[in-house]
Amino acid sequence: MRYTKDKDWVEIVGAARRTMRELVALDSDALMTAHATAITLTQDAAFFDHDGAAVDWRGDILDLTVQQWTWWKSRIWAAARDEQISPEA
């Protein structure tokens, strides 16, 4: 599933097939663990800083804004729900 907000976008695949234990890691574990979990669930993405430059979302989570990180995690949770009810998933 592809989600877009302004110039940022993420493609999430397979979240509905993950266990709750895996998905909870997005919100309850250390930042680096949460980031690693998000990467495994994200097929592709693009995030941009305030100057319009691309952010290395795979390599350094600290270059994302808090808003971008929160939105990315929320899209994974949405995909876990939407993949189950979408006929295309």
N, C-alpha and C. Protein backbone atom coordinates (compact mmCIF):
# COMPACT_ATOMS: atom_id res chain seq x y z
N MET A 1 0.85 -1.16 0.00
CA MET A 1 0.00 0.00 0.00
C MET A 1 0.90 1.23 0.00
N ARG A 2 0.52 2.20 -0.79
CA ARG A 2 1.30 3.44 -0.87
C ARG A 2 0.53 4.56 -0.19
N TYR A 3 1.25 5.29 0.65
CA TYR A 3 0.69 6.43 1.36
C TYR A 3 1.53 7.66 1.05
N THR A 4 0.87 8.79 0.88
CA THR A 4 1.57 10.02 0.52
C THR A 4 1.12 11.15 1.43
N LYS A 5 2.09 11.97 1.84
CA LYS A 5 1.80 13.19 2.61
C LYS A 5 2.76 14.26 2.13
N ASP A 6 2.22 15.27 1.50
CA ASP A 6 3.04 16.31 0.88
C ASP A 6 3.99 15.64 -0.12
N LYS A 7 5.29 15.86 0.02
CA LYS A 7 6.25 15.22 -0.89
C LYS A 7 6.69 13.84 -0.38
N ASP A 8 6.48 13.56 0.90
CA ASP A 8 6.90 12.29 1.49
C ASP A 8 5.93 11.18 1.08
N TRP A 9 6.47 9.97 0.91
CA TRP A 9 5.61 8.82 0.62
C TRP A 9 6.28 7.55 1.12
N VAL A 10 5.46 6.54 1.41
CA VAL A 10 5.96 5.23 1.83
C VAL A 10 5.13 4.14 1.16
N GLU A 11 5.77 3.03 0.86
CA GLU A 11 5.08 1.84 0.37
C GLU A 11 5.31 0.73 1.39
N ILE A 12 4.22 0.28 1.98
CA ILE A 12 4.27 -0.73 3.03
C ILE A 12 3.69 -2.03 2.47
N VAL A 13 4.41 -3.12 2.65
CA VAL A 13 3.96 -4.42 2.14
C VAL A 13 4.12 -5.47 3.23
N GLY A 14 3.07 -6.25 3.45
CA GLY A 14 3.17 -7.39 4.35
C GLY A 14 2.93 -7.11 5.81
N ALA A 15 2.52 -5.90 6.16
CA ALA A 15 2.31 -5.57 7.57
C ALA A 15 1.19 -6.41 8.19
N ALA A 16 0.16 -6.71 7.41
CA ALA A 16 -0.97 -7.48 7.95
C ALA A 16 -0.58 -8.91 8.30
N ARG A 17 0.50 -9.40 7.74
CA ARG A 17 0.93 -10.77 8.02
C ARG A 17 1.92 -10.84 9.18
N ARG A 18 2.27 -9.70 9.75
CA ARG A 18 3.19 -9.66 10.89
C ARG A 18 2.43 -9.82 12.19
N THR A 19 3.10 -10.35 13.18
CA THR A 19 2.46 -10.53 14.49
C THR A 19 2.38 -9.19 15.22
N MET A 20 1.50 -9.12 16.17
CA MET A 20 1.41 -7.93 17.01
C MET A 20 2.73 -7.67 17.73
N ARG A 21 3.42 -8.75 18.14
CA ARG A 21 4.71 -8.61 18.81
C ARG A 21 5.70 -7.83 17.94
N GLU A 22 5.71 -8.15 16.66
CA GLU A 22 6.62 -7.44 15.75
C GLU A 22 6.21 -5.99 15.57
N LEU A 23 4.92 -5.74 15.41
CA LEU A 23 4.45 -4.38 15.17
C LEU A 23 4.56 -3.50 16.41
N VAL A 24 4.37 -4.06 17.58
CA VAL A 24 4.49 -3.28 18.81
C VAL A 24 5.92 -2.74 18.97
N ALA A 25 6.88 -3.41 18.39
CA ALA A 25 8.26 -2.94 18.46
C ALA A 25 8.41 -1.54 17.87
N LEU A 26 7.51 -1.15 16.99
CA LEU A 26 7.55 0.20 16.42
C LEU A 26 7.36 1.27 17.49
N ASP A 27 6.59 0.96 18.52
CA ASP A 27 6.23 1.95 19.53
C ASP A 27 6.86 1.74 20.89
N SER A 28 7.36 0.54 21.17
CA SER A 28 7.79 0.29 22.54
C SER A 28 9.28 0.00 22.70
N ASP A 29 9.96 -0.30 21.66
CA ASP A 29 11.38 -0.64 21.78
C ASP A 29 12.26 0.59 21.59
N ALA A 30 13.54 0.39 21.70
CA ALA A 30 14.51 1.45 21.48
C ALA A 30 14.37 1.98 20.05
N LEU A 31 14.73 3.22 19.85
CA LEU A 31 14.58 3.87 18.55
C LEU A 31 15.22 3.09 17.41
N MET A 32 16.42 2.58 17.61
CA MET A 32 17.10 1.87 16.54
C MET A 32 16.40 0.54 16.21
N THR A 33 15.84 -0.11 17.21
CA THR A 33 15.07 -1.33 16.98
C THR A 33 13.79 -1.00 16.23
N ALA A 34 13.12 0.06 16.64
CA ALA A 34 11.89 0.49 15.95
C ALA A 34 12.19 0.83 14.50
N HIS A 35 13.29 1.51 14.26
CA HIS A 35 13.68 1.87 12.90
C HIS A 35 13.95 0.62 12.06
N ALA A 36 14.67 -0.33 12.62
CA ALA A 36 14.95 -1.58 11.90
C ALA A 36 13.65 -2.31 11.56
N THR A 37 12.70 -2.29 12.46
CA THR A 37 11.40 -2.92 12.21
C THR A 37 10.68 -2.20 11.08
N ALA A 38 10.68 -0.88 11.11
CA ALA A 38 10.02 -0.10 10.05
C ALA A 38 10.65 -0.38 8.69
N ILE A 39 11.96 -0.51 8.65
CA ILE A 39 12.64 -0.79 7.38
C ILE A 39 12.20 -2.12 6.81
N THR A 40 12.07 -3.14 7.67
CA THR A 40 11.68 -4.47 7.17
C THR A 40 10.26 -4.46 6.60
N LEU A 41 9.43 -3.53 7.01
CA LEU A 41 8.05 -3.47 6.55
C LEU A 41 7.84 -2.48 5.40
N THR A 42 8.88 -1.74 5.05
CA THR A 42 8.77 -0.70 4.04
C THR A 42 9.45 -1.14 2.76
N GLN A 43 8.66 -1.25 1.71
CA GLN A 43 9.23 -1.65 0.42
C GLN A 43 10.06 -0.52 -0.17
N ASP A 44 9.53 0.71 -0.09
CA ASP A 44 10.26 1.87 -0.59
C ASP A 44 9.64 3.10 0.05
N ALA A 45 10.38 4.20 0.02
CA ALA A 45 9.89 5.44 0.60
C ALA A 45 10.73 6.60 0.09
N ALA A 46 10.23 7.80 0.32
CA ALA A 46 10.99 9.03 0.06
C ALA A 46 10.57 10.05 1.10
N PHE A 47 11.56 10.59 1.79
CA PHE A 47 11.33 11.66 2.75
C PHE A 47 12.25 12.82 2.38
N PHE A 48 11.79 14.04 2.63
CA PHE A 48 12.55 15.22 2.25
C PHE A 48 12.67 16.17 3.43
N ASP A 49 13.84 16.82 3.55
CA ASP A 49 14.04 17.77 4.65
C ASP A 49 13.42 19.12 4.28
N HIS A 50 13.54 20.10 5.16
CA HIS A 50 12.89 21.40 4.95
C HIS A 50 13.46 22.17 3.77
N ASP A 51 14.64 21.77 3.29
CA ASP A 51 15.23 22.41 2.10
C ASP A 51 14.88 21.65 0.82
N GLY A 52 14.14 20.54 0.95
CA GLY A 52 13.76 19.76 -0.22
C GLY A 52 14.74 18.67 -0.60
N ALA A 53 15.78 18.47 0.19
CA ALA A 53 16.77 17.42 -0.09
C ALA A 53 16.26 16.08 0.44
N ALA A 54 16.55 15.03 -0.30
CA ALA A 54 16.14 13.68 0.11
C ALA A 54 16.85 13.28 1.39
N VAL A 55 16.12 12.59 2.26
CA VAL A 55 16.66 12.10 3.53
C VAL A 55 16.91 10.60 3.38
N ASP A 56 18.04 10.13 3.90
CA ASP A 56 18.38 8.70 3.86
C ASP A 56 17.60 7.98 4.96
N TRP A 57 16.38 7.62 4.67
CA TRP A 57 15.49 7.02 5.67
C TRP A 57 15.94 5.64 6.10
N ARG A 58 16.69 4.94 5.27
CA ARG A 58 17.21 3.62 5.66
C ARG A 58 18.46 3.74 6.53
N GLY A 59 19.29 4.71 6.22
CA GLY A 59 20.60 4.80 6.85
C GLY A 59 20.64 5.54 8.17
N ASP A 60 19.83 6.61 8.32
CA ASP A 60 19.93 7.41 9.53
C ASP A 60 18.57 7.99 9.90
N ILE A 61 17.93 7.37 10.83
CA ILE A 61 16.60 7.81 11.27
C ILE A 61 16.64 9.21 11.86
N LEU A 62 17.77 9.62 12.39
CA LEU A 62 17.87 10.91 13.05
C LEU A 62 17.79 12.07 12.08
N ASP A 63 17.85 11.82 10.78
CA ASP A 63 17.66 12.88 9.79
C ASP A 63 16.18 13.13 9.48
N LEU A 64 15.30 12.24 9.95
CA LEU A 64 13.86 12.46 9.79
C LEU A 64 13.38 13.42 10.87
N THR A 65 12.32 14.14 10.57
CA THR A 65 11.69 14.94 11.62
C THR A 65 10.85 14.02 12.49
N VAL A 66 10.48 14.49 13.66
CA VAL A 66 9.60 13.72 14.53
C VAL A 66 8.27 13.47 13.81
N GLN A 67 7.78 14.47 13.11
CA GLN A 67 6.53 14.32 12.37
C GLN A 67 6.64 13.23 11.29
N GLN A 68 7.75 13.20 10.57
CA GLN A 68 7.93 12.17 9.54
C GLN A 68 7.99 10.78 10.16
N TRP A 69 8.72 10.64 11.24
CA TRP A 69 8.85 9.34 11.89
C TRP A 69 7.50 8.87 12.43
N THR A 70 6.76 9.76 13.08
CA THR A 70 5.45 9.41 13.62
C THR A 70 4.49 9.04 12.49
N TRP A 71 4.52 9.79 11.40
CA TRP A 71 3.65 9.50 10.26
C TRP A 71 4.01 8.15 9.64
N TRP A 72 5.30 7.87 9.47
CA TRP A 72 5.76 6.60 8.89
C TRP A 72 5.23 5.43 9.73
N LYS A 73 5.43 5.48 11.04
CA LYS A 73 4.93 4.41 11.91
C LYS A 73 3.42 4.27 11.80
N SER A 74 2.72 5.38 11.74
CA SER A 74 1.25 5.31 11.66
C SER A 74 0.80 4.70 10.35
N ARG A 75 1.55 4.88 9.28
CA ARG A 75 1.21 4.28 7.99
C ARG A 75 1.44 2.77 8.02
N ILE A 76 2.42 2.31 8.77
CA ILE A 76 2.62 0.87 8.92
C ILE A 76 1.43 0.25 9.64
N TRP A 77 0.99 0.89 10.73
CA TRP A 77 -0.19 0.39 11.44
C TRP A 77 -1.42 0.44 10.52
N ALA A 78 -1.56 1.50 9.74
CA ALA A 78 -2.70 1.61 8.81
C ALA A 78 -2.64 0.50 7.77
N ALA A 79 -1.45 0.22 7.27
CA ALA A 79 -1.30 -0.85 6.27
C ALA A 79 -1.66 -2.20 6.87
N ALA A 80 -1.32 -2.43 8.12
CA ALA A 80 -1.66 -3.70 8.76
C ALA A 80 -3.18 -3.87 8.79
N ARG A 81 -3.88 -2.79 8.97
CA ARG A 81 -5.34 -2.83 8.96
C ARG A 81 -5.87 -2.87 7.52
N ASP A 82 -5.37 -1.99 6.65
CA ASP A 82 -5.90 -1.85 5.31
C ASP A 82 -5.61 -3.06 4.41
N GLU A 83 -4.46 -3.69 4.58
CA GLU A 83 -4.13 -4.86 3.77
C GLU A 83 -5.14 -5.99 4.00
N GLN A 84 -5.66 -6.09 5.20
CA GLN A 84 -6.61 -7.14 5.54
C GLN A 84 -7.96 -6.91 4.86
N ILE A 85 -8.33 -5.66 4.68
CA ILE A 85 -9.66 -5.39 4.13
C ILE A 85 -9.64 -5.00 2.67
N SER A 86 -8.46 -4.78 2.10
CA SER A 86 -8.36 -4.37 0.71
C SER A 86 -8.35 -5.57 -0.23
N PRO A 87 -9.19 -5.59 -1.25
CA PRO A 87 -9.18 -6.71 -2.19
C PRO A 87 -7.91 -6.78 -3.03
N GLU A 88 -7.16 -5.66 -3.14
CA GLU A 88 -5.92 -5.67 -3.92
C GLU A 88 -4.74 -6.24 -3.15
N ALA A 89 -4.85 -6.30 -1.83
CA ALA A 89 -3.72 -6.72 -0.99
C ALA A 89 -3.50 -8.21 -1.05
